[in-house]
Amino acid sequence: MKFVNRFLAVLALSTAVPALAATKTVALDVPGMTCSLCPVTIKKALDKVPGVSKVDFNVDKREAFVTFDDAKTTIAAITKATADAGYPSKPKTDVKQ
């Protein structure tokens, strides 16, 4: 009986503590984004990636800013989604929004 009580206590504590996930934003260089319609295609692709919550664009600078839950997706999955949509991208090293 003690084992069952301890098991239930541990189970209750483990479900009460939220996962240590973080919301992050990555800035991407998207050199193929050359017109005002390109972001529509890129956004549709990124909306299918689990964990992506927001996508913003600067078409003039050919940049995308993707906010995501790092417990649900990775930057590699995000760049793969843009590439699969016909817009290869890579994370920026210097970010200036």
N, C-alpha and C. Protein backbone atom coordinates (compact mmCIF):
# COMPACT_ATOMS: atom_id res chain seq x y z
N MET A 1 0.82 -1.20 0.00
CA MET A 1 0.00 0.00 0.00
C MET A 1 0.87 1.26 0.00
N LYS A 2 2.00 1.23 0.75
CA LYS A 2 2.88 2.40 0.76
C LYS A 2 3.41 2.70 -0.64
N PHE A 3 3.71 1.62 -1.37
CA PHE A 3 4.21 1.80 -2.73
C PHE A 3 3.19 2.53 -3.60
N VAL A 4 1.94 2.16 -3.49
CA VAL A 4 0.89 2.78 -4.29
C VAL A 4 0.75 4.24 -3.92
N ASN A 5 0.77 4.55 -2.63
CA ASN A 5 0.66 5.95 -2.19
C ASN A 5 1.83 6.79 -2.70
N ARG A 6 3.04 6.23 -2.62
CA ARG A 6 4.22 6.95 -3.11
C ARG A 6 4.14 7.14 -4.63
N PHE A 7 3.73 6.09 -5.31
CA PHE A 7 3.59 6.18 -6.76
C PHE A 7 2.60 7.27 -7.14
N LEU A 8 1.46 7.32 -6.46
CA LEU A 8 0.45 8.34 -6.76
C LEU A 8 0.97 9.74 -6.44
N ALA A 9 1.74 9.87 -5.37
CA ALA A 9 2.30 11.17 -5.01
C ALA A 9 3.29 11.64 -6.07
N VAL A 10 4.16 10.74 -6.52
CA VAL A 10 5.13 11.09 -7.55
C VAL A 10 4.41 11.43 -8.85
N LEU A 11 3.41 10.66 -9.19
CA LEU A 11 2.64 10.92 -10.40
C LEU A 11 1.96 12.29 -10.33
N ALA A 12 1.39 12.62 -9.21
CA ALA A 12 0.72 13.92 -9.04
C ALA A 12 1.72 15.07 -9.18
N LEU A 13 2.89 14.93 -8.60
CA LEU A 13 3.91 15.98 -8.68
C LEU A 13 4.45 16.12 -10.10
N SER A 14 4.63 15.01 -10.78
CA SER A 14 5.20 15.08 -12.12
C SER A 14 4.24 15.72 -13.12
N THR A 15 2.96 15.59 -12.91
CA THR A 15 2.00 16.21 -13.82
C THR A 15 1.71 17.66 -13.43
N ALA A 16 2.02 18.03 -12.20
CA ALA A 16 1.77 19.39 -11.75
C ALA A 16 2.86 20.35 -12.18
N VAL A 17 4.07 19.85 -12.42
CA VAL A 17 5.19 20.69 -12.81
C VAL A 17 5.21 20.81 -14.33
N PRO A 18 5.13 22.04 -14.85
CA PRO A 18 5.13 22.20 -16.30
C PRO A 18 6.49 21.85 -16.90
N ALA A 19 6.50 21.46 -18.14
CA ALA A 19 7.74 21.16 -18.84
C ALA A 19 8.58 22.42 -18.95
N LEU A 20 9.87 22.24 -18.99
CA LEU A 20 10.77 23.38 -19.07
C LEU A 20 11.03 23.78 -20.52
N ALA A 21 9.98 24.04 -21.23
CA ALA A 21 10.08 24.48 -22.61
C ALA A 21 10.17 26.00 -22.64
N ALA A 22 10.75 26.49 -23.69
CA ALA A 22 10.88 27.93 -23.82
C ALA A 22 10.39 28.37 -25.19
N THR A 23 9.79 29.54 -25.22
CA THR A 23 9.42 30.13 -26.49
C THR A 23 10.63 30.90 -26.99
N LYS A 24 11.01 30.62 -28.21
CA LYS A 24 12.17 31.28 -28.81
C LYS A 24 11.78 31.88 -30.14
N THR A 25 12.57 32.84 -30.59
CA THR A 25 12.38 33.42 -31.91
C THR A 25 13.69 33.32 -32.67
N VAL A 26 13.60 32.81 -33.89
CA VAL A 26 14.78 32.73 -34.75
C VAL A 26 14.57 33.66 -35.94
N ALA A 27 15.63 34.37 -36.28
CA ALA A 27 15.61 35.22 -37.49
C ALA A 27 16.25 34.42 -38.61
N LEU A 28 15.58 34.36 -39.73
CA LEU A 28 16.06 33.59 -40.87
C LEU A 28 16.37 34.48 -42.06
N ASP A 29 17.48 34.19 -42.74
CA ASP A 29 17.74 34.77 -44.05
C ASP A 29 16.98 33.90 -45.05
N VAL A 30 16.17 34.55 -45.88
CA VAL A 30 15.42 33.83 -46.92
C VAL A 30 15.70 34.54 -48.24
N PRO A 31 16.83 34.22 -48.88
CA PRO A 31 17.22 34.97 -50.08
C PRO A 31 16.25 34.85 -51.24
N GLY A 32 15.47 33.79 -51.31
CA GLY A 32 14.52 33.62 -52.42
C GLY A 32 13.22 34.38 -52.25
N MET A 33 13.05 35.05 -51.12
CA MET A 33 11.82 35.80 -50.86
C MET A 33 11.96 37.17 -51.54
N THR A 34 11.42 37.27 -52.75
CA THR A 34 11.66 38.47 -53.56
C THR A 34 10.43 39.32 -53.82
N CYS A 35 9.25 38.83 -53.43
CA CYS A 35 8.05 39.63 -53.69
C CYS A 35 7.11 39.59 -52.48
N SER A 36 6.06 40.35 -52.55
CA SER A 36 5.15 40.44 -51.41
C SER A 36 4.28 39.20 -51.25
N LEU A 37 4.23 38.33 -52.26
CA LEU A 37 3.44 37.10 -52.15
C LEU A 37 4.24 35.93 -51.55
N CYS A 38 5.54 36.00 -51.58
CA CYS A 38 6.38 34.92 -51.05
C CYS A 38 6.07 34.60 -49.59
N PRO A 39 5.87 35.60 -48.73
CA PRO A 39 5.58 35.28 -47.33
C PRO A 39 4.32 34.44 -47.13
N VAL A 40 3.36 34.55 -48.03
CA VAL A 40 2.14 33.76 -47.91
C VAL A 40 2.47 32.27 -47.99
N THR A 41 3.29 31.90 -48.96
CA THR A 41 3.68 30.50 -49.13
C THR A 41 4.53 30.03 -47.96
N ILE A 42 5.46 30.86 -47.52
CA ILE A 42 6.33 30.49 -46.42
C ILE A 42 5.52 30.33 -45.13
N LYS A 43 4.61 31.25 -44.87
CA LYS A 43 3.79 31.18 -43.66
C LYS A 43 2.93 29.91 -43.66
N LYS A 44 2.35 29.56 -44.80
CA LYS A 44 1.55 28.33 -44.87
C LYS A 44 2.38 27.11 -44.50
N ALA A 45 3.62 27.08 -44.98
CA ALA A 45 4.50 25.95 -44.66
C ALA A 45 4.86 25.94 -43.19
N LEU A 46 5.16 27.09 -42.62
CA LEU A 46 5.56 27.16 -41.22
C LEU A 46 4.39 26.91 -40.27
N ASP A 47 3.19 27.26 -40.69
CA ASP A 47 2.01 27.00 -39.84
C ASP A 47 1.78 25.51 -39.65
N LYS A 48 2.32 24.68 -40.52
CA LYS A 48 2.18 23.23 -40.40
C LYS A 48 3.21 22.61 -39.45
N VAL A 49 4.21 23.39 -39.04
CA VAL A 49 5.25 22.88 -38.14
C VAL A 49 4.73 22.97 -36.71
N PRO A 50 4.63 21.83 -36.01
CA PRO A 50 4.15 21.86 -34.62
C PRO A 50 5.06 22.75 -33.77
N GLY A 51 4.44 23.61 -32.97
CA GLY A 51 5.21 24.48 -32.08
C GLY A 51 5.44 25.88 -32.60
N VAL A 52 5.26 26.10 -33.91
CA VAL A 52 5.41 27.46 -34.45
C VAL A 52 4.17 28.26 -34.09
N SER A 53 4.37 29.40 -33.42
CA SER A 53 3.23 30.19 -32.96
C SER A 53 3.07 31.53 -33.67
N LYS A 54 4.16 32.01 -34.29
CA LYS A 54 4.08 33.33 -34.93
C LYS A 54 5.15 33.42 -36.01
N VAL A 55 4.81 34.09 -37.10
CA VAL A 55 5.76 34.31 -38.19
C VAL A 55 5.61 35.75 -38.66
N ASP A 56 6.71 36.48 -38.68
CA ASP A 56 6.73 37.86 -39.18
C ASP A 56 7.77 37.93 -40.30
N PHE A 57 7.63 38.92 -41.17
CA PHE A 57 8.53 39.04 -42.31
C PHE A 57 9.00 40.47 -42.49
N ASN A 58 10.20 40.60 -43.05
CA ASN A 58 10.70 41.85 -43.59
C ASN A 58 11.12 41.50 -45.02
N VAL A 59 10.21 41.72 -45.95
CA VAL A 59 10.44 41.32 -47.34
C VAL A 59 11.61 42.09 -47.93
N ASP A 60 11.73 43.38 -47.61
CA ASP A 60 12.82 44.19 -48.16
C ASP A 60 14.19 43.62 -47.80
N LYS A 61 14.32 43.10 -46.58
CA LYS A 61 15.59 42.54 -46.13
C LYS A 61 15.65 41.02 -46.32
N ARG A 62 14.56 40.45 -46.86
CA ARG A 62 14.48 39.00 -47.09
C ARG A 62 14.72 38.22 -45.79
N GLU A 63 13.94 38.60 -44.78
CA GLU A 63 14.05 37.99 -43.46
C GLU A 63 12.70 37.46 -42.99
N ALA A 64 12.75 36.39 -42.23
CA ALA A 64 11.56 35.86 -41.55
C ALA A 64 11.92 35.72 -40.08
N PHE A 65 10.96 36.01 -39.22
CA PHE A 65 11.15 35.89 -37.78
C PHE A 65 10.11 34.90 -37.27
N VAL A 66 10.59 33.77 -36.80
CA VAL A 66 9.71 32.66 -36.43
C VAL A 66 9.77 32.44 -34.93
N THR A 67 8.62 32.53 -34.27
CA THR A 67 8.51 32.26 -32.84
C THR A 67 7.98 30.85 -32.68
N PHE A 68 8.66 30.08 -31.82
CA PHE A 68 8.33 28.66 -31.70
C PHE A 68 8.60 28.15 -30.29
N ASP A 69 7.98 27.02 -29.98
CA ASP A 69 8.17 26.33 -28.71
C ASP A 69 9.28 25.31 -28.93
N ASP A 70 10.41 25.48 -28.24
CA ASP A 70 11.55 24.61 -28.50
C ASP A 70 11.38 23.19 -27.96
N ALA A 71 10.29 22.93 -27.25
CA ALA A 71 9.99 21.57 -26.82
C ALA A 71 9.23 20.81 -27.91
N LYS A 72 8.71 21.55 -28.88
CA LYS A 72 7.89 20.92 -29.93
C LYS A 72 8.57 20.91 -31.30
N THR A 73 9.53 21.79 -31.53
CA THR A 73 10.20 21.83 -32.83
C THR A 73 11.61 22.37 -32.69
N THR A 74 12.33 22.33 -33.79
CA THR A 74 13.72 22.80 -33.81
C THR A 74 13.91 23.77 -34.97
N ILE A 75 15.02 24.47 -34.93
CA ILE A 75 15.36 25.37 -36.03
C ILE A 75 15.56 24.57 -37.31
N ALA A 76 16.12 23.38 -37.18
CA ALA A 76 16.30 22.52 -38.36
C ALA A 76 14.96 22.17 -39.01
N ALA A 77 13.95 21.89 -38.22
CA ALA A 77 12.62 21.58 -38.76
C ALA A 77 12.01 22.81 -39.43
N ILE A 78 12.27 23.97 -38.86
CA ILE A 78 11.74 25.22 -39.42
C ILE A 78 12.40 25.51 -40.77
N THR A 79 13.72 25.40 -40.84
CA THR A 79 14.40 25.67 -42.11
C THR A 79 14.07 24.60 -43.15
N LYS A 80 13.82 23.38 -42.72
CA LYS A 80 13.40 22.33 -43.65
C LYS A 80 12.03 22.68 -44.24
N ALA A 81 11.14 23.18 -43.42
CA ALA A 81 9.80 23.56 -43.90
C ALA A 81 9.88 24.67 -44.94
N THR A 82 10.74 25.66 -44.73
CA THR A 82 10.87 26.73 -45.72
C THR A 82 11.49 26.19 -47.00
N ALA A 83 12.48 25.33 -46.87
CA ALA A 83 13.12 24.74 -48.05
C ALA A 83 12.14 23.88 -48.84
N ASP A 84 11.35 23.08 -48.12
CA ASP A 84 10.36 22.23 -48.78
C ASP A 84 9.31 23.06 -49.52
N ALA A 85 9.09 24.29 -49.06
CA ALA A 85 8.14 25.19 -49.72
C ALA A 85 8.78 25.95 -50.88
N GLY A 86 10.08 25.70 -51.12
CA GLY A 86 10.77 26.35 -52.23
C GLY A 86 11.57 27.58 -51.83
N TYR A 87 11.72 27.78 -50.52
CA TYR A 87 12.43 28.96 -50.01
C TYR A 87 13.48 28.54 -48.99
N PRO A 88 14.64 28.05 -49.46
CA PRO A 88 15.69 27.68 -48.52
C PRO A 88 16.05 28.87 -47.62
N SER A 89 16.31 28.57 -46.36
CA SER A 89 16.65 29.64 -45.41
C SER A 89 17.75 29.15 -44.49
N LYS A 90 18.32 30.11 -43.78
CA LYS A 90 19.32 29.77 -42.77
C LYS A 90 19.21 30.80 -41.64
N PRO A 91 19.51 30.37 -40.41
CA PRO A 91 19.45 31.30 -39.28
C PRO A 91 20.45 32.44 -39.46
N LYS A 92 20.00 33.63 -39.10
CA LYS A 92 20.88 34.79 -39.13
C LYS A 92 21.79 34.77 -37.93
N THR A 93 22.99 35.28 -38.11
CA THR A 93 23.91 35.38 -36.98
C THR A 93 23.82 36.74 -36.30
N ASP A 94 23.53 37.77 -37.05
CA ASP A 94 23.35 39.10 -36.47
C ASP A 94 21.90 39.53 -36.69
N VAL A 95 21.18 39.73 -35.61
CA VAL A 95 19.76 40.03 -35.70
C VAL A 95 19.53 41.50 -35.42
N LYS A 96 18.89 42.18 -36.38
CA LYS A 96 18.49 43.58 -36.20
C LYS A 96 17.09 43.70 -36.76
N GLN A 97 16.10 43.77 -35.86
CA GLN A 97 14.70 43.85 -36.33
C GLN A 97 14.31 45.28 -36.59
